Amino acid sequence: MPYITSQNAAITADRNWLVSKQYAGRWSPSERARLQDITKRYKINWSGNTRKIPWNTLLERVDIIPVSMVATMAAAESGWGTSKLARANNNLFGMKCGSGKCNNGPGKVKGYSRFGSVKESVQAYVANLNTHPAYSSFRKSRAQLRKNDQEVTATAMIHKLKGYSTRGSSYNNYLFAMYQDNQRLIAAHM
């Protein structure tokens, strides 16, 4: 939970800065560098021209993932942290590694990403949801909530997570039921 909270705090800081700069006429070299860093981290193409900043894409990607949603996904994907994948690879979210990118050693679960820490696993999961093309509908739904001045909550977002599992909507229903059954437990650790 602390890793999710700190990750969301960093995202919120970047997002608030972007919102504050959205209508700025002048950009200092350090502000340009910060924007370049953000576009790189969020896999957004930007020419460096401050008159042609992809604001919609930026604000769609640079946004939080609800803490209780992340906690529910971690619990569901890792058997509450007891799976071999969680213990051997620090992989709480069942994230597979890209072709040729697996460098798992002995005792590791092959075909799945290996992380040096749980914190790295959380960072990779959040980055994945915020950048991978498979989750663009998730990001668009979140942006729509923002546009309508609605809160980005686990309740609102769990059913928007298309494509995370081959089980489709039955997986989302399972996650939502798990979230509802464990709300008090998750809230107690926030």
Protein backbone atom coordinates (compact mmCIF):
# COMPACT_ATOMS: atom_id res chain seq x y z
CA MET A 1 0.00 0.00 0.00
CA PRO A 2 2.74 2.57 0.77
CA TYR A 3 4.28 1.95 -2.68
CA ILE A 4 0.98 2.55 -4.43
CA THR A 5 0.35 5.69 -2.39
CA SER A 6 3.81 7.11 -3.09
CA GLN A 7 3.52 6.23 -6.79
CA ASN A 8 0.17 8.05 -6.99
CA ALA A 9 1.65 11.04 -5.13
CA ALA A 10 4.44 11.32 -7.72
CA ILE A 11 1.92 11.02 -10.56
CA THR A 12 -0.31 13.65 -8.96
CA ALA A 13 2.64 16.02 -8.64
CA ASP A 14 3.43 15.62 -12.35
CA ARG A 15 -0.23 15.96 -13.29
CA ASN A 16 -0.74 19.10 -11.19
CA TRP A 17 2.40 20.63 -12.73
CA LEU A 18 1.12 19.81 -16.24
CA VAL A 19 -2.26 21.38 -15.49
CA SER A 20 -0.53 24.50 -14.14
CA LYS A 21 1.60 24.75 -17.32
CA GLN A 22 -1.16 23.99 -19.82
CA TYR A 23 -1.74 27.61 -20.80
CA ALA A 24 1.76 28.92 -20.16
CA GLY A 25 3.29 31.06 -22.85
CA ARG A 26 6.89 30.75 -21.71
CA TRP A 27 8.91 27.67 -20.82
CA SER A 28 12.24 27.75 -19.03
CA PRO A 29 14.91 25.20 -19.98
CA SER A 30 14.24 23.25 -16.76
CA GLU A 31 10.49 23.19 -17.49
CA ARG A 32 11.15 21.91 -21.01
CA ALA A 33 13.44 19.25 -19.55
CA ARG A 34 10.76 18.20 -17.07
CA LEU A 35 8.17 17.97 -19.84
CA GLN A 36 10.60 15.97 -22.00
CA ASP A 37 11.14 13.58 -19.06
CA ILE A 38 7.39 13.14 -18.52
CA THR A 39 6.70 12.49 -22.22
CA LYS A 40 9.51 9.92 -22.29
CA ARG A 41 8.30 8.09 -19.16
CA TYR A 42 4.73 7.99 -20.47
CA LYS A 43 5.78 6.94 -24.00
CA ILE A 44 4.36 10.02 -25.71
CA ASN A 45 5.88 11.39 -28.91
CA TRP A 46 6.66 15.07 -28.59
CA SER A 47 8.83 17.12 -30.93
CA GLY A 48 10.00 19.51 -28.21
CA ASN A 49 7.91 22.36 -29.64
CA THR A 50 6.05 23.98 -26.72
CA ARG A 51 3.39 25.22 -29.13
CA LYS A 52 2.55 21.64 -30.10
CA ILE A 53 2.27 19.81 -26.79
CA PRO A 54 -0.03 16.74 -26.90
CA TRP A 55 -2.07 17.87 -23.88
CA ASN A 56 -4.94 15.39 -24.29
CA THR A 57 -2.60 12.40 -24.41
CA LEU A 58 -0.51 13.75 -21.53
CA LEU A 59 -3.48 14.29 -19.22
CA GLU A 60 -4.98 10.95 -20.24
CA ARG A 61 -1.81 9.05 -19.30
CA VAL A 62 -0.42 11.06 -16.38
CA ASP A 63 -3.04 10.08 -13.84
CA ILE A 64 -3.43 7.89 -10.78
CA ILE A 65 -4.64 4.32 -10.47
CA PRO A 66 -6.98 4.03 -7.44
CA VAL A 67 -5.06 2.57 -4.48
CA SER A 68 -7.74 0.03 -3.59
CA MET A 69 -7.90 -1.13 -7.23
CA VAL A 70 -4.14 -1.74 -7.29
CA ALA A 71 -4.33 -3.57 -3.94
CA THR A 72 -7.22 -5.74 -5.19
CA MET A 73 -5.37 -6.59 -8.40
CA ALA A 74 -2.21 -7.47 -6.46
CA ALA A 75 -4.17 -9.71 -4.09
CA ALA A 76 -6.04 -11.40 -6.94
CA GLU A 77 -3.01 -11.93 -9.16
CA SER A 78 -0.63 -13.06 -6.41
CA GLY A 79 -2.91 -15.06 -4.11
CA TRP A 80 -2.48 -12.40 -1.44
CA GLY A 81 1.29 -12.45 -2.03
CA THR A 82 1.67 -16.21 -1.62
CA SER A 83 2.12 -17.30 -5.25
CA LYS A 84 5.49 -18.49 -6.51
CA LEU A 85 5.42 -15.63 -9.01
CA ALA A 86 5.06 -13.10 -6.18
CA ARG A 87 7.67 -14.73 -3.94
CA ALA A 88 10.30 -15.63 -6.55
CA ASN A 89 9.87 -12.76 -9.04
CA ASN A 90 8.39 -9.98 -6.85
CA ASN A 91 5.68 -9.92 -9.52
CA LEU A 92 2.35 -9.13 -7.85
CA PHE A 93 0.37 -8.54 -11.03
CA GLY A 94 1.03 -11.54 -13.28
CA MET A 95 2.92 -9.36 -15.73
CA LYS A 96 4.53 -11.33 -18.54
CA CYS A 97 7.78 -10.15 -20.03
CA GLY A 98 8.12 -9.11 -23.63
CA SER A 99 9.68 -11.43 -26.17
CA GLY A 100 13.37 -11.82 -25.54
CA LYS A 101 13.23 -9.65 -22.41
CA CYS A 102 13.11 -12.43 -19.82
CA ASN A 103 16.35 -12.86 -17.94
CA ASN A 104 15.01 -15.04 -15.17
CA GLY A 105 17.54 -17.17 -13.35
CA PRO A 106 17.14 -20.41 -11.43
CA GLY A 107 14.15 -20.54 -9.11
CA LYS A 108 12.32 -17.80 -11.02
CA VAL A 109 9.03 -18.23 -12.88
CA LYS A 110 9.86 -18.31 -16.58
CA GLY A 111 7.94 -16.12 -19.02
CA TYR A 112 7.02 -13.57 -16.36
CA SER A 113 8.68 -10.30 -15.44
CA ARG A 114 11.06 -10.37 -12.52
CA PHE A 115 11.42 -7.30 -10.31
CA GLY A 116 14.08 -6.42 -7.78
CA SER A 117 11.43 -5.38 -5.28
CA VAL A 118 7.69 -5.10 -4.70
CA LYS A 119 8.06 -1.35 -5.23
CA GLU A 120 9.43 -2.00 -8.75
CA SER A 121 6.51 -4.35 -9.44
CA VAL A 122 4.01 -1.63 -8.47
CA GLN A 123 5.84 0.96 -10.59
CA ALA A 124 5.83 -1.37 -13.62
CA TYR A 125 2.13 -2.17 -13.19
CA VAL A 126 1.14 1.51 -12.96
CA ALA A 127 3.36 2.39 -15.94
CA ASN A 128 1.82 -0.48 -17.90
CA LEU A 129 -1.76 0.70 -17.30
CA ASN A 130 -0.78 4.29 -18.08
CA THR A 131 1.12 3.61 -21.30
CA HIS A 132 0.34 0.26 -22.97
CA PRO A 133 -1.98 0.48 -26.00
CA ALA A 134 -4.08 -2.41 -24.63
CA TYR A 135 -5.34 -0.17 -21.82
CA SER A 136 -6.24 2.93 -23.85
CA SER A 137 -9.98 2.43 -23.14
CA PHE A 138 -9.17 2.33 -19.41
CA ARG A 139 -7.34 5.66 -19.74
CA LYS A 140 -10.13 7.19 -21.85
CA SER A 141 -12.72 6.17 -19.23
CA ARG A 142 -10.58 7.73 -16.49
CA ALA A 143 -10.21 10.94 -18.55
CA GLN A 144 -13.99 11.03 -19.01
CA LEU A 145 -14.47 10.83 -15.24
CA ARG A 146 -12.05 13.77 -14.84
CA LYS A 147 -13.87 15.74 -17.52
CA ASN A 148 -17.16 15.18 -15.67
CA ASP A 149 -15.58 16.20 -12.33
CA GLN A 150 -16.09 12.69 -10.95
CA GLU A 151 -13.68 10.90 -8.64
CA VAL A 152 -11.38 8.21 -10.02
CA THR A 153 -12.28 5.29 -7.73
CA ALA A 154 -11.80 1.53 -7.77
CA THR A 155 -15.57 1.11 -8.10
CA ALA A 156 -15.59 3.30 -11.22
CA MET A 157 -12.44 1.83 -12.79
CA ILE A 158 -12.38 -1.94 -12.20
CA HIS A 159 -14.99 -2.62 -14.90
CA LYS A 160 -13.10 -0.34 -17.31
CA LEU A 161 -10.06 -2.61 -17.25
CA LYS A 162 -10.48 -4.38 -20.58
CA GLY A 163 -7.83 -6.71 -21.90
CA TYR A 164 -5.95 -7.40 -18.67
CA SER A 165 -7.07 -11.01 -18.55
CA THR A 166 -8.05 -13.52 -21.20
CA ARG A 167 -11.12 -14.17 -19.03
CA GLY A 168 -12.55 -10.82 -20.16
CA SER A 169 -15.51 -9.37 -18.28
CA SER A 170 -15.78 -12.39 -15.97
CA TYR A 171 -12.33 -11.40 -14.63
CA ASN A 172 -13.57 -7.85 -14.02
CA ASN A 173 -16.61 -9.25 -12.20
CA TYR A 174 -14.32 -11.44 -10.09
CA LEU A 175 -12.10 -8.43 -9.25
CA PHE A 176 -15.09 -6.30 -8.35
CA ALA A 177 -16.50 -8.99 -6.05
CA MET A 178 -13.09 -9.39 -4.44
CA TYR A 179 -12.83 -5.61 -4.00
CA GLN A 180 -16.29 -5.43 -2.40
CA ASP A 181 -15.61 -8.40 -0.09
CA ASN A 182 -12.31 -6.92 1.11
CA GLN A 183 -13.01 -3.18 1.22
CA ARG A 184 -12.63 -2.97 4.99
CA LEU A 185 -9.41 -4.97 4.96
CA ILE A 186 -7.91 -2.83 2.18
CA ALA A 187 -9.07 0.42 3.81
CA ALA A 188 -7.47 -0.61 7.10
CA HIS A 189 -4.06 -0.68 5.36
CA MET A 190 -4.42 2.67 3.59
